[in-house]
Amino acid sequence: MIKTTIFLFLIHSTFFAQKKSEDFDYHQLQFEFRKEKVDIIKKSKKGEENIPKPLFFWCQGSLPQTVIKYDDNGIYQVFPFNENDFLDKFHLIIVGKPGVQIIEDVKKLKSNYSVLNDSLQIPKSYSDKNYLDFYVERNNFVLKKLAKEKWVSSKYLVVAGHSEGSTIAAKMAKNNSRVTHLIYSGGNPFGRILNILEEDIYKNKNYETIEYWKTVVSNKDNLEYNGGDTLKCTYDFSQPSSENLKKLKIPVLITFGTKDWSAPFNDLFFVETIRNKQDNFTFIPYHGVEHNYFPVDEKLVPNFEMYNWDNVGKDWANWLNKSN
């Protein structure tokens, strides 16, 4: 009787055990940066995990989200685009958020699939490191470590990012001479605060964001925990990526939705690159879609049934093929 009880307990424990990245055909690596563990997820074509290939390094957008999310039916999409469009030529790399577990059951996640504390606020361990230069330095450190692996080819190094990740990717490329191609998606070349301002003007018909911006600028190094983005975080991500982008000589692809709050500023940067004869830039605007490439109606309400990320990813892959 005791043996049967133990046996049943073991079955129950195994069935409900925390999943691992390898359970979903992703490989997890770990390095130490500033005395803390950094979790990295690698996705390779099946059977070609150890074949030397260049890296496609993906920078996530905002929010303390886990990289791998799953439920009883399986895994949620890790990369927003179709991984298969890149796996023939690249190993895909994505790094976890600071202070956030790399994999989690969605039942344990909160709003927007985020890891939040009991007060439904972002964890302090995440907030303390959620600023631009931390991500840039950490990610370039990871790339330096990965460059020593036998399965990494130094022929190319693609860095790509969307939204907040685009700002990180742009500064990574400016600071890292190993980067050969940059994909800048859904970013604002003149800073996050302009997205906040444009949305505020449209929805609330006021300029209250300007008063907030004055506070941010006066406290630009303030990392005091407040349950959301710190003043330093907002200031850092509101610095113009255009200053980093303009210094690049490598091929740069900029993609954005024409109904995104950042669209006019991408248009401005598009015009500037032509005026400055910077022919290493390619722009692809996606008409009638918002920040995450979902189509919107006349009131800017997204249609989440129409997922355009796979088409965007194919355009990136085609651009890379032409740029190599």
C-alpha atoms as a PDB file:
ATOM      1  CA  MET A   1       0.000   0.000   0.000  1.00  0.00           C
ATOM      2  CA  ILE A   2       2.805   2.387   0.891  1.00  0.00           C
ATOM      3  CA  LYS A   3       4.655   1.529  -2.345  1.00  0.00           C
ATOM      4  CA  THR A   4       1.515   2.244  -4.389  1.00  0.00           C
ATOM      5  CA  THR A   5       1.035   5.602  -2.672  1.00  0.00           C
ATOM      6  CA  ILE A   6       4.654   6.590  -3.337  1.00  0.00           C
ATOM      7  CA  PHE A   7       4.347   5.475  -6.972  1.00  0.00           C
ATOM      8  CA  LEU A   8       1.201   7.557  -7.491  1.00  0.00           C
ATOM      9  CA  PHE A   9       2.861  10.543  -5.832  1.00  0.00           C
ATOM     10  CA  LEU A  10       5.815  10.285  -8.212  1.00  0.00           C
ATOM     11  CA  ILE A  11       3.492  10.157 -11.230  1.00  0.00           C
ATOM     12  CA  HIS A  12       1.589  13.199  -9.956  1.00  0.00           C
ATOM     13  CA  SER A  13       4.810  15.132  -9.243  1.00  0.00           C
ATOM     14  CA  THR A  14       6.268  14.349 -12.661  1.00  0.00           C
ATOM     15  CA  PHE A  15       3.088  15.306 -14.498  1.00  0.00           C
ATOM     16  CA  PHE A  16       2.848  18.678 -12.793  1.00  0.00           C
ATOM     17  CA  ALA A  17       6.596  19.412 -12.714  1.00  0.00           C
ATOM     18  CA  GLN A  18       7.851  22.757 -13.959  1.00  0.00           C
ATOM     19  CA  LYS A  19       8.616  22.533 -17.660  1.00  0.00           C
ATOM     20  CA  LYS A  20      12.105  23.172 -19.015  1.00  0.00           C
ATOM     21  CA  SER A  21      13.122  24.984 -22.202  1.00  0.00           C
ATOM     22  CA  GLU A  22      14.357  21.715 -23.673  1.00  0.00           C
ATOM     23  CA  ASP A  23      10.842  20.280 -23.369  1.00  0.00           C
ATOM     24  CA  PHE A  24       9.899  22.610 -26.228  1.00  0.00           C
ATOM     25  CA  ASP A  25      13.063  22.194 -28.352  1.00  0.00           C
ATOM     26  CA  TYR A  26      14.764  25.348 -27.088  1.00  0.00           C
ATOM     27  CA  HIS A  27      18.217  25.226 -25.537  1.00  0.00           C
ATOM     28  CA  GLN A  28      18.914  27.241 -22.409  1.00  0.00           C
ATOM     29  CA  LEU A  29      22.305  28.737 -21.586  1.00  0.00           C
ATOM     30  CA  GLN A  30      23.373  30.761 -18.586  1.00  0.00           C
ATOM     31  CA  PHE A  31      26.157  33.286 -17.998  1.00  0.00           C
ATOM     32  CA  GLU A  32      27.022  35.490 -15.074  1.00  0.00           C
ATOM     33  CA  PHE A  33      26.938  39.260 -15.541  1.00  0.00           C
ATOM     34  CA  ARG A  34      27.559  41.662 -12.657  1.00  0.00           C
ATOM     35  CA  LYS A  35      27.385  38.726 -10.221  1.00  0.00           C
ATOM     36  CA  GLU A  36      23.906  37.735 -11.378  1.00  0.00           C
ATOM     37  CA  LYS A  37      22.732  34.913 -13.623  1.00  0.00           C
ATOM     38  CA  VAL A  38      21.627  35.756 -17.141  1.00  0.00           C
ATOM     39  CA  ASP A  39      19.392  33.231 -18.898  1.00  0.00           C
ATOM     40  CA  ILE A  40      19.639  32.859 -22.664  1.00  0.00           C
ATOM     41  CA  ILE A  41      17.428  30.867 -25.011  1.00  0.00           C
ATOM     42  CA  LYS A  42      18.824  29.465 -28.248  1.00  0.00           C
ATOM     43  CA  LYS A  43      16.685  28.115 -31.081  1.00  0.00           C
ATOM     44  CA  SER A  44      18.334  26.111 -33.831  1.00  0.00           C
ATOM     45  CA  LYS A  45      17.167  24.032 -36.741  1.00  0.00           C
ATOM     46  CA  LYS A  46      16.585  20.490 -35.503  1.00  0.00           C
ATOM     47  CA  GLY A  47      19.713  18.399 -36.008  1.00  0.00           C
ATOM     48  CA  GLU A  48      21.864  21.468 -36.702  1.00  0.00           C
ATOM     49  CA  GLU A  49      22.314  22.705 -33.145  1.00  0.00           C
ATOM     50  CA  ASN A  50      26.107  22.357 -33.293  1.00  0.00           C
ATOM     51  CA  ILE A  51      26.666  23.456 -36.883  1.00  0.00           C
ATOM     52  CA  PRO A  52      28.461  26.849 -36.984  1.00  0.00           C
ATOM     53  CA  LYS A  53      26.002  29.540 -38.059  1.00  0.00           C
ATOM     54  CA  PRO A  54      25.757  33.305 -37.524  1.00  0.00           C
ATOM     55  CA  LEU A  55      23.576  34.610 -34.702  1.00  0.00           C
ATOM     56  CA  PHE A  56      20.272  36.421 -35.035  1.00  0.00           C
ATOM     57  CA  PHE A  57      20.030  38.203 -31.684  1.00  0.00           C
ATOM     58  CA  TRP A  58      16.506  39.335 -30.748  1.00  0.00           C
ATOM     59  CA  CYS A  59      15.865  42.188 -28.283  1.00  0.00           C
ATOM     60  CA  GLN A  60      12.457  41.998 -26.588  1.00  0.00           C
ATOM     61  CA  GLY A  61      10.092  44.893 -26.124  1.00  0.00           C
ATOM     62  CA  SER A  62       8.950  46.271 -22.781  1.00  0.00           C
ATOM     63  CA  LEU A  63       7.296  44.524 -19.785  1.00  0.00           C
ATOM     64  CA  PRO A  64       8.644  41.840 -17.430  1.00  0.00           C
ATOM     65  CA  GLN A  65       7.598  38.887 -19.544  1.00  0.00           C
ATOM     66  CA  THR A  66       9.023  35.397 -19.531  1.00  0.00           C
ATOM     67  CA  VAL A  67      10.599  34.250 -22.785  1.00  0.00           C
ATOM     68  CA  ILE A  68       8.861  30.864 -22.866  1.00  0.00           C
ATOM     69  CA  LYS A  69       5.184  30.714 -21.915  1.00  0.00           C
ATOM     70  CA  TYR A  70       3.127  27.544 -21.973  1.00  0.00           C
ATOM     71  CA  ASP A  71      -0.154  26.012 -20.887  1.00  0.00           C
ATOM     72  CA  ASP A  72      -1.699  22.537 -20.933  1.00  0.00           C
ATOM     73  CA  ASN A  73      -1.928  22.677 -24.725  1.00  0.00           C
ATOM     74  CA  GLY A  74       1.711  23.540 -25.318  1.00  0.00           C
ATOM     75  CA  ILE A  75       4.007  26.485 -25.870  1.00  0.00           C
ATOM     76  CA  TYR A  76       3.134  30.057 -26.822  1.00  0.00           C
ATOM     77  CA  GLN A  77       5.103  31.664 -29.634  1.00  0.00           C
ATOM     78  CA  VAL A  78       8.573  32.698 -28.412  1.00  0.00           C
ATOM     79  CA  PHE A  79       9.619  34.955 -31.287  1.00  0.00           C
ATOM     80  CA  PRO A  80       6.844  37.058 -32.876  1.00  0.00           C
ATOM     81  CA  PHE A  81       7.923  36.079 -36.394  1.00  0.00           C
ATOM     82  CA  ASN A  82       8.127  32.630 -37.988  1.00  0.00           C
ATOM     83  CA  GLU A  83      11.366  31.112 -36.708  1.00  0.00           C
ATOM     84  CA  ASN A  84      11.635  28.799 -39.722  1.00  0.00           C
ATOM     85  CA  ASP A  85      12.310  31.766 -42.010  1.00  0.00           C
ATOM     86  CA  PHE A  86      15.681  32.198 -40.270  1.00  0.00           C
ATOM     87  CA  LEU A  87      16.789  28.803 -38.966  1.00  0.00           C
ATOM     88  CA  ASP A  88      18.455  27.618 -42.183  1.00  0.00           C
ATOM     89  CA  LYS A  89      21.043  30.371 -41.869  1.00  0.00           C
ATOM     90  CA  PHE A  90      21.019  31.436 -38.212  1.00  0.00           C
ATOM     91  CA  HIS A  91      20.864  30.368 -34.616  1.00  0.00           C
ATOM     92  CA  LEU A  92      18.214  32.523 -32.929  1.00  0.00           C
ATOM     93  CA  ILE A  93      19.111  34.054 -29.561  1.00  0.00           C
ATOM     94  CA  ILE A  94      16.916  35.798 -26.989  1.00  0.00           C
ATOM     95  CA  VAL A  95      17.887  36.862 -23.449  1.00  0.00           C
ATOM     96  CA  GLY A  96      15.554  36.870 -20.460  1.00  0.00           C
ATOM     97  CA  LYS A  97      14.492  39.989 -18.594  1.00  0.00           C
ATOM     98  CA  PRO A  98      16.381  40.825 -15.377  1.00  0.00           C
ATOM     99  CA  GLY A  99      14.739  39.455 -12.245  1.00  0.00           C
ATOM    100  CA  VAL A 100      12.243  37.412 -14.288  1.00  0.00           C
ATOM    101  CA  GLN A 101      12.194  33.641 -14.771  1.00  0.00           C
ATOM    102  CA  ILE A 102      12.907  32.496 -18.324  1.00  0.00           C
ATOM    103  CA  ILE A 103       9.972  30.048 -18.520  1.00  0.00           C
ATOM    104  CA  GLU A 104       6.574  29.934 -16.825  1.00  0.00           C
ATOM    105  CA  ASP A 105       3.082  28.461 -17.022  1.00  0.00           C
ATOM    106  CA  VAL A 106       0.684  31.189 -18.185  1.00  0.00           C
ATOM    107  CA  LYS A 107      -1.608  30.406 -15.261  1.00  0.00           C
ATOM    108  CA  LYS A 108       1.009  32.022 -13.035  1.00  0.00           C
ATOM    109  CA  LEU A 109       1.338  35.144 -15.177  1.00  0.00           C
ATOM    110  CA  LYS A 110      -0.672  38.346 -14.843  1.00  0.00           C
ATOM    111  CA  SER A 111      -1.802  41.114 -17.202  1.00  0.00           C
ATOM    112  CA  ASN A 112      -0.088  41.027 -20.627  1.00  0.00           C
ATOM    113  CA  TYR A 113       1.492  37.698 -19.610  1.00  0.00           C
ATOM    114  CA  SER A 114       3.781  39.627 -17.263  1.00  0.00           C
ATOM    115  CA  VAL A 115       5.458  38.546 -14.054  1.00  0.00           C
ATOM    116  CA  LEU A 116       4.005  40.821 -11.378  1.00  0.00           C
ATOM    117  CA  ASN A 117       4.178  40.879  -7.589  1.00  0.00           C
ATOM    118  CA  ASP A 118       1.268  40.395  -5.196  1.00  0.00           C
ATOM    119  CA  SER A 119       0.330  44.064  -5.639  1.00  0.00           C
ATOM    120  CA  LEU A 120       0.172  43.530  -9.432  1.00  0.00           C
ATOM    121  CA  GLN A 121       3.208  45.745  -9.916  1.00  0.00           C
ATOM    122  CA  ILE A 122       6.446  44.931 -11.707  1.00  0.00           C
ATOM    123  CA  PRO A 123       9.072  43.213  -9.519  1.00  0.00           C
ATOM    124  CA  LYS A 124      11.709  45.484  -7.978  1.00  0.00           C
ATOM    125  CA  SER A 125      14.408  43.084  -9.185  1.00  0.00           C
ATOM    126  CA  TYR A 126      13.280  43.904 -12.727  1.00  0.00           C
ATOM    127  CA  SER A 127      12.726  47.618 -12.145  1.00  0.00           C
ATOM    128  CA  ASP A 128      16.232  48.146 -10.753  1.00  0.00           C
ATOM    129  CA  LYS A 129      17.818  47.080 -14.042  1.00  0.00           C
ATOM    130  CA  ASN A 130      15.140  48.143 -16.495  1.00  0.00           C
ATOM    131  CA  TYR A 131      17.064  50.899 -18.253  1.00  0.00           C
ATOM    132  CA  LEU A 132      18.825  51.250 -21.584  1.00  0.00           C
ATOM    133  CA  ASP A 133      22.514  50.944 -20.753  1.00  0.00           C
ATOM    134  CA  PHE A 134      22.011  47.872 -18.578  1.00  0.00           C
ATOM    135  CA  TYR A 135      20.431  46.002 -21.493  1.00  0.00           C
ATOM    136  CA  VAL A 136      23.023  47.226 -23.985  1.00  0.00           C
ATOM    137  CA  GLU A 137      25.999  46.266 -21.818  1.00  0.00           C
ATOM    138  CA  ARG A 138      24.483  42.942 -20.759  1.00  0.00           C
ATOM    139  CA  ASN A 139      23.514  41.944 -24.291  1.00  0.00           C
ATOM    140  CA  ASN A 140      26.883  42.843 -25.797  1.00  0.00           C
ATOM    141  CA  PHE A 141      28.511  40.883 -22.967  1.00  0.00           C
ATOM    142  CA  VAL A 142      26.371  37.876 -23.929  1.00  0.00           C
ATOM    143  CA  LEU A 143      27.374  38.257 -27.583  1.00  0.00           C
ATOM    144  CA  LYS A 144      31.048  38.340 -26.590  1.00  0.00           C
ATOM    145  CA  LYS A 145      30.628  35.127 -24.598  1.00  0.00           C
ATOM    146  CA  LEU A 146      28.667  33.404 -27.364  1.00  0.00           C
ATOM    147  CA  ALA A 147      31.326  34.322 -29.945  1.00  0.00           C
ATOM    148  CA  LYS A 148      33.607  31.762 -28.230  1.00  0.00           C
ATOM    149  CA  GLU A 149      31.182  28.898 -28.861  1.00  0.00           C
ATOM    150  CA  LYS A 150      32.082  26.465 -31.661  1.00  0.00           C
ATOM    151  CA  TRP A 151      28.539  26.590 -33.061  1.00  0.00           C
ATOM    152  CA  VAL A 152      28.771  30.357 -33.660  1.00  0.00           C
ATOM    153  CA  SER A 153      30.021  31.650 -37.007  1.00  0.00           C
ATOM    154  CA  SER A 154      31.507  35.144 -37.076  1.00  0.00           C
ATOM    155  CA  LYS A 155      30.577  35.642 -40.732  1.00  0.00           C
ATOM    156  CA  TYR A 156      27.546  37.760 -39.808  1.00  0.00           C
ATOM    157  CA  LEU A 157      25.926  39.051 -36.652  1.00  0.00           C
ATOM    158  CA  VAL A 158      22.348  40.295 -36.903  1.00  0.00           C
ATOM    159  CA  VAL A 159      20.846  42.298 -34.043  1.00  0.00           C
ATOM    160  CA  ALA A 160      17.117  42.994 -34.202  1.00  0.00           C
ATOM    161  CA  GLY A 161      14.572  44.478 -31.847  1.00  0.00           C
ATOM    162  CA  HIS A 162      10.995  45.685 -31.696  1.00  0.00           C
ATOM    163  CA  SER A 163       9.572  48.655 -29.765  1.00  0.00           C
ATOM    164  CA  GLU A 164      11.745  49.122 -26.659  1.00  0.00           C
ATOM    165  CA  GLY A 165      13.975  46.427 -28.107  1.00  0.00           C
ATOM    166  CA  SER A 166      14.675  48.558 -31.177  1.00  0.00           C
ATOM    167  CA  THR A 167      16.262  51.247 -29.003  1.00  0.00           C
ATOM    168  CA  ILE A 168      18.410  48.616 -27.295  1.00  0.00           C
ATOM    169  CA  ALA A 169      19.397  47.055 -30.627  1.00  0.00           C
ATOM    170  CA  ALA A 170      20.395  50.415 -32.127  1.00  0.00           C
ATOM    171  CA  LYS A 171      22.748  51.257 -29.265  1.00  0.00           C
ATOM    172  CA  MET A 172      24.128  47.709 -29.204  1.00  0.00           C
ATOM    173  CA  ALA A 173      25.018  48.042 -32.882  1.00  0.00           C
ATOM    174  CA  LYS A 174      26.633  51.437 -32.332  1.00  0.00           C
ATOM    175  CA  ASN A 175      28.770  50.065 -29.488  1.00  0.00           C
ATOM    176  CA  ASN A 176      29.624  46.662 -30.969  1.00  0.00           C
ATOM    177  CA  SER A 177      31.783  46.471 -34.092  1.00  0.00           C
ATOM    178  CA  ARG A 178      30.915  42.758 -34.505  1.00  0.00           C
ATOM    179  CA  VAL A 179      27.326  43.629 -35.505  1.00  0.00           C
ATOM    180  CA  THR A 180      26.968  43.438 -39.292  1.00  0.00           C
ATOM    181  CA  HIS A 181      23.191  44.026 -39.728  1.00  0.00           C
ATOM    182  CA  LEU A 182      20.548  45.847 -37.700  1.00  0.00           C
ATOM    183  CA  ILE A 183      16.761  45.462 -37.833  1.00  0.00           C
ATOM    184  CA  TYR A 184      14.971  48.354 -36.111  1.00  0.00           C
ATOM    185  CA  SER A 185      11.251  47.587 -35.772  1.00  0.00           C
ATOM    186  CA  GLY A 186       8.421  49.647 -34.286  1.00  0.00           C
ATOM    187  CA  GLY A 187      10.748  52.144 -32.661  1.00  0.00           C
ATOM    188  CA  ASN A 188      10.708  55.917 -32.482  1.00  0.00           C
ATOM    189  CA  PRO A 189      14.027  57.337 -33.726  1.00  0.00           C
ATOM    190  CA  PHE A 190      13.389  60.462 -31.640  1.00  0.00           C
ATOM    191  CA  GLY A 191      12.462  58.781 -28.359  1.00  0.00           C
ATOM    192  CA  ARG A 192       9.700  57.066 -26.399  1.00  0.00           C
ATOM    193  CA  ILE A 193       8.322  60.246 -24.859  1.00  0.00           C
ATOM    194  CA  LEU A 194       7.038  61.362 -28.265  1.00  0.00           C
ATOM    195  CA  ASN A 195       4.926  58.195 -28.536  1.00  0.00           C
ATOM    196  CA  ILE A 196       3.461  58.936 -25.108  1.00  0.00           C
ATOM    197  CA  LEU A 197       2.804  62.542 -26.102  1.00  0.00           C
ATOM    198  CA  GLU A 198       1.156  61.685 -29.427  1.00  0.00           C
ATOM    199  CA  GLU A 199      -1.145  59.151 -27.792  1.00  0.00           C
ATOM    200  CA  ASP A 200      -2.020  61.623 -25.032  1.00  0.00           C
ATOM    201  CA  ILE A 201      -2.880  64.326 -27.568  1.00  0.00           C
ATOM    202  CA  TYR A 202      -5.065  61.939 -29.568  1.00  0.00           C
ATOM    203  CA  LYS A 203      -6.921  60.342 -26.643  1.00  0.00           C
ATOM    204  CA  ASN A 204      -7.042  63.095 -24.036  1.00  0.00           C
ATOM    205  CA  LYS A 205      -6.682  66.227 -26.204  1.00  0.00           C
ATOM    206  CA  ASN A 206      -4.058  67.708 -23.892  1.00  0.00           C
ATOM    207  CA  TYR A 207      -0.310  68.143 -23.394  1.00  0.00           C
ATOM    208  CA  GLU A 208      -0.043  66.873 -19.819  1.00  0.00           C
ATOM    209  CA  THR A 209       2.759  64.577 -20.940  1.00  0.00           C
ATOM    210  CA  ILE A 210       4.966  67.665 -21.218  1.00  0.00           C
ATOM    211  CA  GLU A 211       4.725  68.268 -17.458  1.00  0.00           C
ATOM    212  CA  TYR A 212       5.637  64.632 -16.850  1.00  0.00           C
ATOM    213  CA  TRP A 213       8.587  65.011 -19.200  1.00  0.00           C
ATOM    214  CA  LYS A 214       9.846  68.028 -17.236  1.00  0.00           C
ATOM    215  CA  THR A 215       9.825  65.858 -14.102  1.00  0.00           C
ATOM    216  CA  VAL A 216      11.625  63.053 -15.926  1.00  0.00           C
ATOM    217  CA  VAL A 217      14.371  65.346 -17.210  1.00  0.00           C
ATOM    218  CA  SER A 218      14.883  66.856 -13.753  1.00  0.00           C
ATOM    219  CA  ASN A 219      15.265  63.343 -12.308  1.00  0.00           C
ATOM    220  CA  LYS A 220      16.873  61.524 -15.213  1.00  0.00           C
ATOM    221  CA  ASP A 221      19.032  59.242 -13.030  1.00  0.00           C
ATOM    222  CA  ASN A 222      16.275  58.381 -10.551  1.00  0.00           C
ATOM    223  CA  LEU A 223      15.828  54.610 -10.208  1.00  0.00           C
ATOM    224  CA  GLU A 224      13.497  54.806  -7.223  1.00  0.00           C
ATOM    225  CA  TYR A 225      11.033  51.929  -7.321  1.00  0.00           C
ATOM    226  CA  ASN A 226       7.439  52.991  -8.002  1.00  0.00           C
ATOM    227  CA  GLY A 227       5.808  49.819  -9.331  1.00  0.00           C
ATOM    228  CA  GLY A 228       6.183  50.894 -12.959  1.00  0.00           C
ATOM    229  CA  ASP A 229       8.791  52.476 -15.207  1.00  0.00           C
ATOM    230  CA  THR A 230      11.278  54.535 -13.217  1.00  0.00           C
ATOM    231  CA  LEU A 231      12.098  58.083 -14.256  1.00  0.00           C
ATOM    232  CA  LYS A 232      15.501  56.883 -15.445  1.00  0.00           C
ATOM    233  CA  CYS A 233      13.871  54.197 -17.585  1.00  0.00           C
ATOM    234  CA  THR A 234      11.616  56.738 -19.285  1.00  0.00           C
ATOM    235  CA  TYR A 235      14.474  59.192 -19.774  1.00  0.00           C
ATOM    236  CA  ASP A 236      16.852  56.584 -21.192  1.00  0.00           C
ATOM    237  CA  PHE A 237      14.359  55.188 -23.681  1.00  0.00           C
ATOM    238  CA  SER A 238      13.340  58.716 -24.672  1.00  0.00           C
ATOM    239  CA  GLN A 239      16.828  59.529 -25.912  1.00  0.00           C
ATOM    240  CA  PRO A 240      16.877  59.763 -29.737  1.00  0.00           C
ATOM    241  CA  SER A 241      17.969  56.467 -31.296  1.00  0.00           C
ATOM    242  CA  SER A 242      18.555  58.536 -34.408  1.00  0.00           C
ATOM    243  CA  GLU A 243      21.858  59.675 -32.887  1.00  0.00           C
ATOM    244  CA  ASN A 244      23.058  56.062 -32.701  1.00  0.00           C
ATOM    245  CA  LEU A 245      21.528  55.060 -36.019  1.00  0.00           C
ATOM    246  CA  LYS A 246      23.174  57.898 -37.949  1.00  0.00           C
ATOM    247  CA  LYS A 247      26.613  56.680 -36.866  1.00  0.00           C
ATOM    248  CA  LEU A 248      26.132  53.232 -38.387  1.00  0.00           C
ATOM    249  CA  LYS A 249      27.707  52.230 -41.698  1.00  0.00           C
ATOM    250  CA  ILE A 250      26.270  48.709 -41.675  1.00  0.00           C
ATOM    251  CA  PRO A 251      23.003  47.777 -43.443  1.00  0.00           C
ATOM    252  CA  VAL A 252      20.011  48.916 -41.362  1.00  0.00           C
ATOM    253  CA  LEU A 253      16.380  47.934 -41.952  1.00  0.00           C
ATOM    254  CA  ILE A 254      13.682  50.094 -40.357  1.00  0.00           C
ATOM    255  CA  THR A 255      10.102  48.777 -40.320  1.00  0.00           C
ATOM    256  CA  PHE A 256       7.023  50.375 -38.771  1.00  0.00           C
ATOM    257  CA  GLY A 257       3.243  50.633 -39.003  1.00  0.00           C
ATOM    258  CA  THR A 258       1.860  53.817 -40.539  1.00  0.00           C
ATOM    259  CA  LYS A 259      -0.774  53.983 -37.771  1.00  0.00           C
ATOM    260  CA  ASP A 260       1.783  53.680 -34.980  1.00  0.00           C
ATOM    261  CA  TRP A 261       2.288  56.791 -32.822  1.00  0.00           C
ATOM    262  CA  SER A 262       5.906  56.741 -33.983  1.00  0.00           C
ATOM    263  CA  ALA A 263       5.075  56.787 -37.701  1.00  0.00           C
ATOM    264  CA  PRO A 264       5.604  60.548 -38.337  1.00  0.00           C
ATOM    265  CA  PHE A 265       9.001  60.374 -36.654  1.00  0.00           C
ATOM    266  CA  ASN A 266      10.058  57.384 -38.735  1.00  0.00           C
ATOM    267  CA  ASP A 267       8.955  59.367 -41.794  1.00  0.00           C
ATOM    268  CA  LEU A 268      11.100  62.278 -40.628  1.00  0.00           C
ATOM    269  CA  PHE A 269      14.114  60.033 -40.148  1.00  0.00           C
ATOM    270  CA  PHE A 270      13.448  58.456 -43.562  1.00  0.00           C
ATOM    271  CA  VAL A 271      13.594  61.895 -45.167  1.00  0.00           C
ATOM    272  CA  GLU A 272      16.745  62.779 -43.225  1.00  0.00           C
ATOM    273  CA  THR A 273      18.633  59.663 -44.323  1.00  0.00           C
ATOM    274  CA  ILE A 274      17.883  60.526 -47.959  1.00  0.00           C
ATOM    275  CA  ARG A 275      18.989  64.136 -47.450  1.00  0.00           C
ATOM    276  CA  ASN A 276      22.202  62.914 -45.821  1.00  0.00           C
ATOM    277  CA  LYS A 277      22.729  60.323 -48.596  1.00  0.00           C
ATOM    278  CA  GLN A 278      22.901  57.450 -46.108  1.00  0.00           C
ATOM    279  CA  ASP A 279      22.164  54.640 -48.514  1.00  0.00           C
ATOM    280  CA  ASN A 280      22.805  51.902 -45.933  1.00  0.00           C
ATOM    281  CA  PHE A 281      19.231  52.429 -44.646  1.00  0.00           C
ATOM    282  CA  THR A 282      16.182  50.585 -45.956  1.00  0.00           C
ATOM    283  CA  PHE A 283      12.665  51.529 -44.815  1.00  0.00           C
ATOM    284  CA  ILE A 284       9.541  49.374 -45.052  1.00  0.00           C
ATOM    285  CA  PRO A 285       6.345  51.094 -43.837  1.00  0.00           C
ATOM    286  CA  TYR A 286       3.334  48.810 -43.356  1.00  0.00           C
ATOM    287  CA  HIS A 287       0.202  50.723 -44.275  1.00  0.00           C
ATOM    288  CA  GLY A 288      -2.859  50.809 -42.050  1.00  0.00           C
ATOM    289  CA  VAL A 289      -1.339  48.877 -39.134  1.00  0.00           C
ATOM    290  CA  GLU A 290      -0.415  49.848 -35.589  1.00  0.00           C
ATOM    291  CA  HIS A 291       2.577  49.331 -33.337  1.00  0.00           C
ATOM    292  CA  ASN A 292       2.490  45.523 -33.458  1.00  0.00           C
ATOM    293  CA  TYR A 293       1.461  45.345 -37.109  1.00  0.00           C
ATOM    294  CA  PHE A 294      -2.232  44.674 -36.482  1.00  0.00           C
ATOM    295  CA  PRO A 295      -4.615  46.498 -38.854  1.00  0.00           C
ATOM    296  CA  VAL A 296      -6.764  49.219 -37.290  1.00  0.00           C
ATOM    297  CA  ASP A 297     -10.131  50.773 -38.114  1.00  0.00           C
ATOM    298  CA  GLU A 298     -10.898  54.493 -38.423  1.00  0.00           C
ATOM    299  CA  LYS A 299     -10.904  54.787 -34.616  1.00  0.00           C
ATOM    300  CA  LEU A 300      -7.496  53.074 -34.420  1.00  0.00           C
ATOM    301  CA  VAL A 301      -8.969  49.940 -32.820  1.00  0.00           C
ATOM    302  CA  PRO A 302      -6.738  46.944 -33.701  1.00  0.00           C
ATOM    303  CA  ASN A 303      -8.040  43.791 -35.334  1.00  0.00           C
ATOM    304  CA  PHE A 304      -6.148  41.109 -33.423  1.00  0.00           C
ATOM    305  CA  GLU A 305      -7.487  38.396 -35.717  1.00  0.00           C
ATOM    306  CA  MET A 306      -5.118  39.504 -38.481  1.00  0.00           C
ATOM    307  CA  TYR A 307      -1.575  38.553 -37.482  1.00  0.00           C
ATOM    308  CA  ASN A 308       0.948  40.215 -39.779  1.00  0.00           C
ATOM    309  CA  TRP A 309       4.161  39.350 -37.960  1.00  0.00           C
ATOM    310  CA  ASP A 310       4.907  36.378 -40.201  1.00  0.00           C
ATOM    311  CA  ASN A 311       4.795  38.634 -43.261  1.00  0.00           C
ATOM    312  CA  VAL A 312       7.049  41.155 -41.524  1.00  0.00           C
ATOM    313  CA  GLY A 313       9.507  38.393 -40.653  1.00  0.00           C
ATOM    314  CA  LYS A 314       9.597  37.200 -44.261  1.00  0.00           C
ATOM    315  CA  ASP A 315      10.446  40.738 -45.369  1.00  0.00           C
ATOM    316  CA  TRP A 316      13.287  40.803 -42.848  1.00  0.00           C
ATOM    317  CA  ALA A 317      14.608  37.457 -44.100  1.00  0.00           C
ATOM    318  CA  ASN A 318      14.427  38.632 -47.728  1.00  0.00           C
ATOM    319  CA  TRP A 319      16.263  41.842 -46.815  1.00  0.00           C
ATOM    320  CA  LEU A 320      18.997  39.857 -45.066  1.00  0.00           C
ATOM    321  CA  ASN A 321      19.388  37.610 -48.105  1.00  0.00           C
ATOM    322  CA  LYS A 322      19.876  40.654 -50.317  1.00  0.00           C
ATOM    323  CA  SER A 323      22.182  42.421 -47.858  1.00  0.00           C
ATOM    324  CA  ASN A 324      24.626  39.551 -47.307  1.00  0.00           C
END
